[in-house]
Amino acid sequence: MLGLTTTTAGVVGVASIKLLQSQLVASSNSLTTTQAYAALRDGQIILIDIRRPEEWRATGIAQGAIPIDMRREDFIEAVRIAATDPSVPIALICAGGVRSRRIFDTLEDAGVTNIIDVPEGMSGSRAGPGWIAAGLPVVGWSGQP
């Protein structure tokens, strides 16, 4: 016996899980929607929804995500402004993973680092069912870009 109480073991277990989650986020360049939600909830990523405003209006956006239309002329600068802490990875989500992968490469080419793709997207793809089908929290879009 290690001399740990159930409470102590539980706290150590939770701390270990949080550490493993943060290591996964730091070492991965893609996350499932459930991993992205957990990381977003725990402050381990910034989630940017790069879809179009009409898509945000139709489905809402992931709770906690920052909507930045990838077609904006100042898109890269807007992402840099949203990434207030360069040590926190930027996760990109679109509808089905195609645009987020393309923008991932565009941002890397522009010198933006610490980027993660969420290839399932909001609506699902070959990578998985997507944010909405997974039952993850979504909020209505207010109409403000």
N, C-alpha and C. Protein backbone atom coordinates (compact mmCIF):
# COMPACT_ATOMS: atom_id res chain seq x y z
N MET A 1 0.85 -1.19 0.00
CA MET A 1 0.00 0.00 0.00
C MET A 1 0.88 1.23 0.00
N LEU A 2 0.53 2.21 -0.78
CA LEU A 2 1.31 3.43 -0.90
C LEU A 2 0.96 4.46 0.15
N GLY A 3 -0.06 4.23 0.92
CA GLY A 3 -0.46 5.20 1.93
C GLY A 3 -1.32 6.31 1.37
N LEU A 4 -1.93 6.08 0.21
CA LEU A 4 -2.81 7.08 -0.37
C LEU A 4 -4.25 6.81 0.05
N THR A 5 -4.94 7.84 0.41
CA THR A 5 -6.37 7.70 0.70
C THR A 5 -7.12 7.70 -0.63
N THR A 6 -8.36 7.32 -0.59
CA THR A 6 -9.17 7.34 -1.81
C THR A 6 -9.21 8.75 -2.38
N THR A 7 -9.36 9.74 -1.52
CA THR A 7 -9.40 11.13 -1.97
C THR A 7 -8.09 11.55 -2.60
N THR A 8 -6.97 11.22 -1.93
CA THR A 8 -5.65 11.56 -2.47
C THR A 8 -5.43 10.86 -3.80
N ALA A 9 -5.77 9.58 -3.87
CA ALA A 9 -5.59 8.84 -5.11
C ALA A 9 -6.45 9.45 -6.22
N GLY A 10 -7.65 9.90 -5.88
CA GLY A 10 -8.52 10.53 -6.87
C GLY A 10 -7.94 11.82 -7.39
N VAL A 11 -7.38 12.64 -6.48
CA VAL A 11 -6.76 13.90 -6.89
C VAL A 11 -5.55 13.64 -7.76
N VAL A 12 -4.72 12.67 -7.36
CA VAL A 12 -3.54 12.31 -8.15
C VAL A 12 -3.99 11.79 -9.52
N GLY A 13 -5.06 10.98 -9.54
CA GLY A 13 -5.58 10.45 -10.80
C GLY A 13 -6.06 11.55 -11.73
N VAL A 14 -6.80 12.51 -11.19
CA VAL A 14 -7.29 13.63 -12.00
C VAL A 14 -6.12 14.46 -12.51
N ALA A 15 -5.14 14.71 -11.65
CA ALA A 15 -3.97 15.48 -12.07
C ALA A 15 -3.22 14.75 -13.18
N SER A 16 -3.10 13.43 -13.07
CA SER A 16 -2.42 12.65 -14.10
C SER A 16 -3.16 12.70 -15.42
N ILE A 17 -4.49 12.61 -15.36
CA ILE A 17 -5.30 12.69 -16.58
C ILE A 17 -5.13 14.05 -17.23
N LYS A 18 -5.15 15.13 -16.44
CA LYS A 18 -4.99 16.49 -16.98
C LYS A 18 -3.61 16.63 -17.64
N LEU A 19 -2.57 16.08 -16.99
CA LEU A 19 -1.23 16.14 -17.55
C LEU A 19 -1.17 15.38 -18.88
N LEU A 20 -1.75 14.19 -18.92
CA LEU A 20 -1.76 13.42 -20.15
C LEU A 20 -2.52 14.15 -21.25
N GLN A 21 -3.65 14.78 -20.89
CA GLN A 21 -4.41 15.54 -21.88
C GLN A 21 -3.58 16.68 -22.44
N SER A 22 -2.89 17.41 -21.58
CA SER A 22 -2.11 18.55 -22.06
C SER A 22 -0.94 18.08 -22.91
N GLN A 23 -0.35 16.92 -22.58
CA GLN A 23 0.73 16.37 -23.40
C GLN A 23 0.21 15.95 -24.77
N LEU A 24 -1.00 15.36 -24.79
CA LEU A 24 -1.61 14.96 -26.06
C LEU A 24 -1.84 16.17 -26.94
N VAL A 25 -2.39 17.22 -26.36
CA VAL A 25 -2.66 18.45 -27.12
C VAL A 25 -1.35 19.02 -27.65
N ALA A 26 -0.33 19.06 -26.81
CA ALA A 26 0.95 19.66 -27.20
C ALA A 26 1.65 18.87 -28.30
N SER A 27 1.45 17.55 -28.33
CA SER A 27 2.21 16.72 -29.27
C SER A 27 1.43 16.36 -30.53
N SER A 28 0.18 16.73 -30.60
CA SER A 28 -0.66 16.31 -31.72
C SER A 28 -0.91 17.47 -32.67
N ASN A 29 -1.08 17.14 -33.94
CA ASN A 29 -1.50 18.21 -34.85
C ASN A 29 -2.95 18.00 -35.29
N SER A 30 -3.64 17.04 -34.66
CA SER A 30 -5.08 16.89 -34.88
C SER A 30 -5.73 16.31 -33.62
N LEU A 31 -6.99 16.66 -33.43
CA LEU A 31 -7.76 16.18 -32.30
C LEU A 31 -9.14 15.76 -32.78
N THR A 32 -9.74 14.78 -32.10
CA THR A 32 -11.14 14.48 -32.34
C THR A 32 -11.96 15.62 -31.76
N THR A 33 -13.23 15.66 -32.09
CA THR A 33 -14.07 16.72 -31.53
C THR A 33 -14.18 16.59 -30.01
N THR A 34 -14.26 15.38 -29.49
CA THR A 34 -14.37 15.23 -28.04
C THR A 34 -13.07 15.63 -27.35
N GLN A 35 -11.93 15.32 -27.96
CA GLN A 35 -10.65 15.77 -27.40
C GLN A 35 -10.55 17.29 -27.47
N ALA A 36 -10.99 17.86 -28.58
CA ALA A 36 -10.94 19.32 -28.73
C ALA A 36 -11.84 19.99 -27.69
N TYR A 37 -13.03 19.44 -27.47
CA TYR A 37 -13.94 20.02 -26.47
C TYR A 37 -13.31 19.98 -25.08
N ALA A 38 -12.72 18.84 -24.71
CA ALA A 38 -12.09 18.72 -23.39
C ALA A 38 -10.94 19.71 -23.25
N ALA A 39 -10.12 19.83 -24.29
CA ALA A 39 -8.99 20.75 -24.25
C ALA A 39 -9.46 22.20 -24.20
N LEU A 40 -10.51 22.53 -24.94
CA LEU A 40 -11.07 23.88 -24.93
C LEU A 40 -11.63 24.20 -23.55
N ARG A 41 -12.39 23.28 -23.00
CA ARG A 41 -12.99 23.45 -21.68
C ARG A 41 -11.92 23.68 -20.61
N ASP A 42 -10.78 22.99 -20.76
CA ASP A 42 -9.70 23.09 -19.78
C ASP A 42 -8.71 24.20 -20.08
N GLY A 43 -8.98 25.01 -21.10
CA GLY A 43 -8.10 26.13 -21.43
C GLY A 43 -6.80 25.72 -22.10
N GLN A 44 -6.77 24.52 -22.69
CA GLN A 44 -5.54 24.02 -23.31
C GLN A 44 -5.43 24.36 -24.79
N ILE A 45 -6.52 24.84 -25.39
CA ILE A 45 -6.49 25.27 -26.79
C ILE A 45 -7.37 26.50 -26.95
N ILE A 46 -7.15 27.19 -28.06
CA ILE A 46 -8.07 28.22 -28.56
C ILE A 46 -8.70 27.58 -29.79
N LEU A 47 -10.02 27.52 -29.84
CA LEU A 47 -10.70 26.91 -30.98
C LEU A 47 -11.23 28.01 -31.89
N ILE A 48 -10.82 27.97 -33.16
CA ILE A 48 -11.27 28.96 -34.14
C ILE A 48 -12.11 28.25 -35.19
N ASP A 49 -13.35 28.72 -35.34
CA ASP A 49 -14.27 28.21 -36.35
C ASP A 49 -14.09 29.06 -37.59
N ILE A 50 -13.56 28.45 -38.65
CA ILE A 50 -13.18 29.20 -39.85
C ILE A 50 -14.25 29.19 -40.94
N ARG A 51 -15.44 28.68 -40.61
CA ARG A 51 -16.51 28.61 -41.61
C ARG A 51 -17.06 29.99 -41.96
N ARG A 52 -18.02 30.02 -42.85
CA ARG A 52 -18.66 31.26 -43.29
C ARG A 52 -19.78 31.66 -42.33
N PRO A 53 -20.10 32.94 -42.25
CA PRO A 53 -21.18 33.40 -41.37
C PRO A 53 -22.50 32.68 -41.60
N GLU A 54 -22.83 32.37 -42.85
CA GLU A 54 -24.10 31.66 -43.08
C GLU A 54 -24.08 30.26 -42.46
N GLU A 55 -22.91 29.64 -42.38
CA GLU A 55 -22.79 28.34 -41.72
C GLU A 55 -22.94 28.49 -40.21
N TRP A 56 -22.32 29.53 -39.66
CA TRP A 56 -22.46 29.76 -38.21
C TRP A 56 -23.93 29.98 -37.86
N ARG A 57 -24.61 30.76 -38.70
CA ARG A 57 -26.02 31.06 -38.47
C ARG A 57 -26.86 29.78 -38.55
N ALA A 58 -26.56 28.91 -39.49
CA ALA A 58 -27.35 27.69 -39.71
C ALA A 58 -27.18 26.66 -38.59
N THR A 59 -25.96 26.51 -38.08
CA THR A 59 -25.70 25.43 -37.11
C THR A 59 -25.31 25.92 -35.73
N GLY A 60 -24.98 27.20 -35.62
CA GLY A 60 -24.36 27.69 -34.40
C GLY A 60 -22.87 27.39 -34.45
N ILE A 61 -22.17 27.79 -33.41
CA ILE A 61 -20.73 27.52 -33.32
C ILE A 61 -20.46 26.73 -32.04
N ALA A 62 -19.35 26.04 -32.03
CA ALA A 62 -18.96 25.29 -30.84
C ALA A 62 -18.85 26.26 -29.66
N GLN A 63 -19.41 25.87 -28.54
CA GLN A 63 -19.34 26.73 -27.35
C GLN A 63 -17.88 27.01 -27.01
N GLY A 64 -17.53 28.28 -26.90
CA GLY A 64 -16.16 28.68 -26.58
C GLY A 64 -15.29 28.96 -27.79
N ALA A 65 -15.79 28.65 -29.00
CA ALA A 65 -15.01 28.88 -30.22
C ALA A 65 -15.06 30.36 -30.60
N ILE A 66 -14.03 30.77 -31.33
CA ILE A 66 -13.96 32.12 -31.87
C ILE A 66 -14.26 32.01 -33.37
N PRO A 67 -15.33 32.65 -33.85
CA PRO A 67 -15.61 32.58 -35.29
C PRO A 67 -14.78 33.60 -36.07
N ILE A 68 -13.96 33.10 -36.99
CA ILE A 68 -13.18 33.97 -37.87
C ILE A 68 -13.30 33.40 -39.29
N ASP A 69 -14.05 34.07 -40.12
CA ASP A 69 -14.27 33.63 -41.50
C ASP A 69 -12.93 33.57 -42.23
N MET A 70 -12.61 32.39 -42.76
CA MET A 70 -11.31 32.19 -43.43
C MET A 70 -11.15 33.05 -44.68
N ARG A 71 -12.23 33.62 -45.18
CA ARG A 71 -12.16 34.44 -46.39
C ARG A 71 -11.79 35.89 -46.10
N ARG A 72 -11.72 36.25 -44.84
CA ARG A 72 -11.35 37.63 -44.49
C ARG A 72 -9.98 37.97 -45.06
N GLU A 73 -9.84 39.17 -45.56
CA GLU A 73 -8.54 39.60 -46.08
C GLU A 73 -7.48 39.60 -44.99
N ASP A 74 -7.89 39.90 -43.76
CA ASP A 74 -6.96 39.95 -42.64
C ASP A 74 -7.02 38.69 -41.78
N PHE A 75 -7.37 37.55 -42.39
CA PHE A 75 -7.57 36.32 -41.63
C PHE A 75 -6.36 35.95 -40.78
N ILE A 76 -5.19 35.93 -41.37
CA ILE A 76 -3.99 35.51 -40.62
C ILE A 76 -3.75 36.46 -39.45
N GLU A 77 -3.89 37.74 -39.67
CA GLU A 77 -3.72 38.71 -38.58
C GLU A 77 -4.79 38.51 -37.51
N ALA A 78 -6.02 38.23 -37.91
CA ALA A 78 -7.11 38.00 -36.95
C ALA A 78 -6.81 36.77 -36.08
N VAL A 79 -6.24 35.74 -36.69
CA VAL A 79 -5.87 34.54 -35.93
C VAL A 79 -4.76 34.88 -34.94
N ARG A 80 -3.77 35.64 -35.39
CA ARG A 80 -2.68 36.03 -34.48
C ARG A 80 -3.22 36.85 -33.31
N ILE A 81 -4.18 37.73 -33.56
CA ILE A 81 -4.76 38.54 -32.49
C ILE A 81 -5.55 37.65 -31.52
N ALA A 82 -6.28 36.67 -32.05
CA ALA A 82 -7.06 35.76 -31.20
C ALA A 82 -6.17 34.88 -30.34
N ALA A 83 -4.98 34.59 -30.84
CA ALA A 83 -4.03 33.74 -30.10
C ALA A 83 -3.22 34.61 -29.16
N THR A 84 -3.86 35.02 -28.08
CA THR A 84 -3.22 35.95 -27.15
C THR A 84 -2.03 35.35 -26.43
N ASP A 85 -1.99 34.04 -26.28
CA ASP A 85 -0.87 33.36 -25.62
C ASP A 85 -0.27 32.37 -26.62
N PRO A 86 0.93 32.66 -27.15
CA PRO A 86 1.52 31.79 -28.17
C PRO A 86 1.80 30.36 -27.69
N SER A 87 1.80 30.15 -26.38
CA SER A 87 2.04 28.79 -25.88
C SER A 87 0.78 27.93 -25.92
N VAL A 88 -0.38 28.56 -26.12
CA VAL A 88 -1.64 27.82 -26.20
C VAL A 88 -1.92 27.51 -27.67
N PRO A 89 -2.05 26.22 -28.01
CA PRO A 89 -2.30 25.86 -29.40
C PRO A 89 -3.60 26.43 -29.95
N ILE A 90 -3.59 26.69 -31.26
CA ILE A 90 -4.77 27.14 -31.98
C ILE A 90 -5.35 25.92 -32.69
N ALA A 91 -6.59 25.57 -32.38
CA ALA A 91 -7.26 24.47 -33.07
C ALA A 91 -8.24 25.06 -34.08
N LEU A 92 -8.24 24.49 -35.27
CA LEU A 92 -9.09 24.97 -36.36
C LEU A 92 -10.21 23.97 -36.63
N ILE A 93 -11.44 24.49 -36.78
CA ILE A 93 -12.57 23.63 -37.11
C ILE A 93 -13.36 24.28 -38.24
N CYS A 94 -13.83 23.44 -39.16
CA CYS A 94 -14.71 23.90 -40.24
C CYS A 94 -15.91 22.95 -40.26
N ALA A 95 -16.52 22.73 -41.39
CA ALA A 95 -17.68 21.83 -41.45
C ALA A 95 -17.26 20.37 -41.48
N GLY A 96 -16.28 20.03 -42.33
CA GLY A 96 -15.91 18.64 -42.50
C GLY A 96 -14.43 18.35 -42.61
N GLY A 97 -13.57 19.28 -42.20
CA GLY A 97 -12.14 19.02 -42.13
C GLY A 97 -11.32 19.42 -43.34
N VAL A 98 -11.95 19.72 -44.46
CA VAL A 98 -11.18 20.06 -45.67
C VAL A 98 -10.57 21.45 -45.55
N ARG A 99 -11.40 22.43 -45.24
CA ARG A 99 -10.91 23.81 -45.15
C ARG A 99 -9.95 23.98 -43.98
N SER A 100 -10.23 23.32 -42.86
CA SER A 100 -9.33 23.48 -41.70
C SER A 100 -7.94 22.95 -42.02
N ARG A 101 -7.85 21.87 -42.79
CA ARG A 101 -6.54 21.33 -43.17
C ARG A 101 -5.82 22.30 -44.11
N ARG A 102 -6.56 22.86 -45.04
CA ARG A 102 -5.96 23.81 -45.99
C ARG A 102 -5.45 25.05 -45.24
N ILE A 103 -6.27 25.57 -44.33
CA ILE A 103 -5.88 26.76 -43.58
C ILE A 103 -4.75 26.44 -42.61
N PHE A 104 -4.71 25.23 -42.07
CA PHE A 104 -3.59 24.77 -41.24
C PHE A 104 -2.29 25.01 -42.00
N ASP A 105 -2.25 24.53 -43.24
CA ASP A 105 -1.04 24.69 -44.07
C ASP A 105 -0.75 26.15 -44.37
N THR A 106 -1.79 26.93 -44.66
CA THR A 106 -1.63 28.36 -44.95
C THR A 106 -1.04 29.09 -43.75
N LEU A 107 -1.55 28.79 -42.56
CA LEU A 107 -1.04 29.45 -41.35
C LEU A 107 0.41 29.05 -41.09
N GLU A 108 0.72 27.76 -41.26
CA GLU A 108 2.11 27.32 -41.09
C GLU A 108 3.03 28.06 -42.05
N ASP A 109 2.61 28.18 -43.31
CA ASP A 109 3.42 28.89 -44.31
C ASP A 109 3.62 30.35 -43.93
N ALA A 110 2.66 30.93 -43.19
CA ALA A 110 2.75 32.33 -42.76
C ALA A 110 3.52 32.47 -41.45
N GLY A 111 4.05 31.36 -40.93
CA GLY A 111 4.85 31.42 -39.71
C GLY A 111 4.08 31.25 -38.42
N VAL A 112 2.79 30.95 -38.52
CA VAL A 112 1.99 30.69 -37.32
C VAL A 112 2.28 29.25 -36.90
N THR A 113 2.64 29.07 -35.66
CA THR A 113 2.97 27.73 -35.17
C THR A 113 1.97 27.30 -34.11
N ASN A 114 2.13 26.08 -33.65
CA ASN A 114 1.29 25.54 -32.58
C ASN A 114 -0.17 25.45 -33.03
N ILE A 115 -0.38 24.84 -34.19
CA ILE A 115 -1.71 24.72 -34.79
C ILE A 115 -2.18 23.27 -34.73
N ILE A 116 -3.47 23.10 -34.51
CA ILE A 116 -4.08 21.77 -34.45
C ILE A 116 -5.30 21.77 -35.36
N ASP A 117 -5.50 20.68 -36.07
CA ASP A 117 -6.67 20.51 -36.93
C ASP A 117 -7.70 19.64 -36.20
N VAL A 118 -8.97 19.98 -36.38
CA VAL A 118 -10.07 19.14 -35.87
C VAL A 118 -10.78 18.60 -37.12
N PRO A 119 -10.27 17.49 -37.69
CA PRO A 119 -10.72 17.04 -39.01
C PRO A 119 -12.16 16.53 -39.08
N GLU A 120 -12.78 16.20 -37.96
CA GLU A 120 -14.19 15.80 -37.99
C GLU A 120 -15.08 16.98 -38.37
N GLY A 121 -14.65 18.18 -37.98
CA GLY A 121 -15.44 19.37 -38.24
C GLY A 121 -16.72 19.41 -37.42
N MET A 122 -17.54 20.37 -37.74
CA MET A 122 -18.81 20.53 -37.05
C MET A 122 -19.83 19.49 -37.52
N SER A 123 -19.79 19.16 -38.80
CA SER A 123 -20.82 18.30 -39.40
C SER A 123 -20.40 16.86 -39.63
N GLY A 124 -19.13 16.55 -39.39
CA GLY A 124 -18.66 15.19 -39.57
C GLY A 124 -17.91 14.98 -40.87
N SER A 125 -17.08 13.95 -40.88
CA SER A 125 -16.27 13.61 -42.04
C SER A 125 -15.84 12.15 -41.89
N ARG A 126 -14.96 11.71 -42.73
CA ARG A 126 -14.41 10.35 -42.58
C ARG A 126 -13.70 10.19 -41.24
N ALA A 127 -13.24 11.30 -40.69
CA ALA A 127 -12.50 11.25 -39.42
C ALA A 127 -13.41 10.98 -38.22
N GLY A 128 -14.71 11.23 -38.37
CA GLY A 128 -15.63 11.00 -37.25
C GLY A 128 -16.94 11.74 -37.43
N PRO A 129 -17.83 11.61 -36.45
CA PRO A 129 -19.19 12.13 -36.59
C PRO A 129 -19.32 13.65 -36.57
N GLY A 130 -18.35 14.34 -36.04
CA GLY A 130 -18.42 15.80 -35.97
C GLY A 130 -18.94 16.30 -34.64
N TRP A 131 -18.71 17.57 -34.39
CA TRP A 131 -19.05 18.23 -33.13
C TRP A 131 -20.54 18.11 -32.82
N ILE A 132 -21.38 18.41 -33.80
CA ILE A 132 -22.83 18.45 -33.58
C ILE A 132 -23.36 17.05 -33.28
N ALA A 133 -23.02 16.06 -34.11
CA ALA A 133 -23.50 14.69 -33.90
C ALA A 133 -22.97 14.08 -32.61
N ALA A 134 -21.81 14.55 -32.15
CA ALA A 134 -21.25 14.05 -30.89
C ALA A 134 -22.00 14.62 -29.69
N GLY A 135 -22.90 15.56 -29.94
CA GLY A 135 -23.69 16.14 -28.85
C GLY A 135 -22.91 17.14 -28.01
N LEU A 136 -21.85 17.69 -28.58
CA LEU A 136 -21.05 18.68 -27.85
C LEU A 136 -21.76 20.03 -27.89
N PRO A 137 -21.49 20.90 -26.91
CA PRO A 137 -22.26 22.14 -26.81
C PRO A 137 -22.03 23.11 -27.98
N VAL A 138 -23.14 23.65 -28.44
CA VAL A 138 -23.16 24.61 -29.54
C VAL A 138 -23.95 25.82 -29.07
N VAL A 139 -23.51 27.00 -29.48
CA VAL A 139 -24.25 28.22 -29.16
C VAL A 139 -24.65 28.91 -30.45
N GLY A 140 -25.76 29.61 -30.41
CA GLY A 140 -26.20 30.36 -31.58
C GLY A 140 -25.22 31.48 -31.89
N TRP A 141 -25.12 31.80 -33.16
CA TRP A 141 -24.22 32.88 -33.56
C TRP A 141 -25.00 34.18 -33.57
N SER A 142 -24.43 35.21 -32.96
CA SER A 142 -25.12 36.49 -32.78
C SER A 142 -25.12 37.37 -34.02
N GLY A 143 -24.36 37.00 -35.02
CA GLY A 143 -24.30 37.82 -36.22
C GLY A 143 -23.12 38.77 -36.23
N GLN A 144 -22.28 38.72 -35.20
CA GLN A 144 -21.10 39.59 -35.12
C GLN A 144 -19.87 38.79 -35.50
N PRO A 145 -19.17 39.18 -36.58
CA PRO A 145 -17.95 38.45 -36.98
C PRO A 145 -16.83 38.62 -35.97
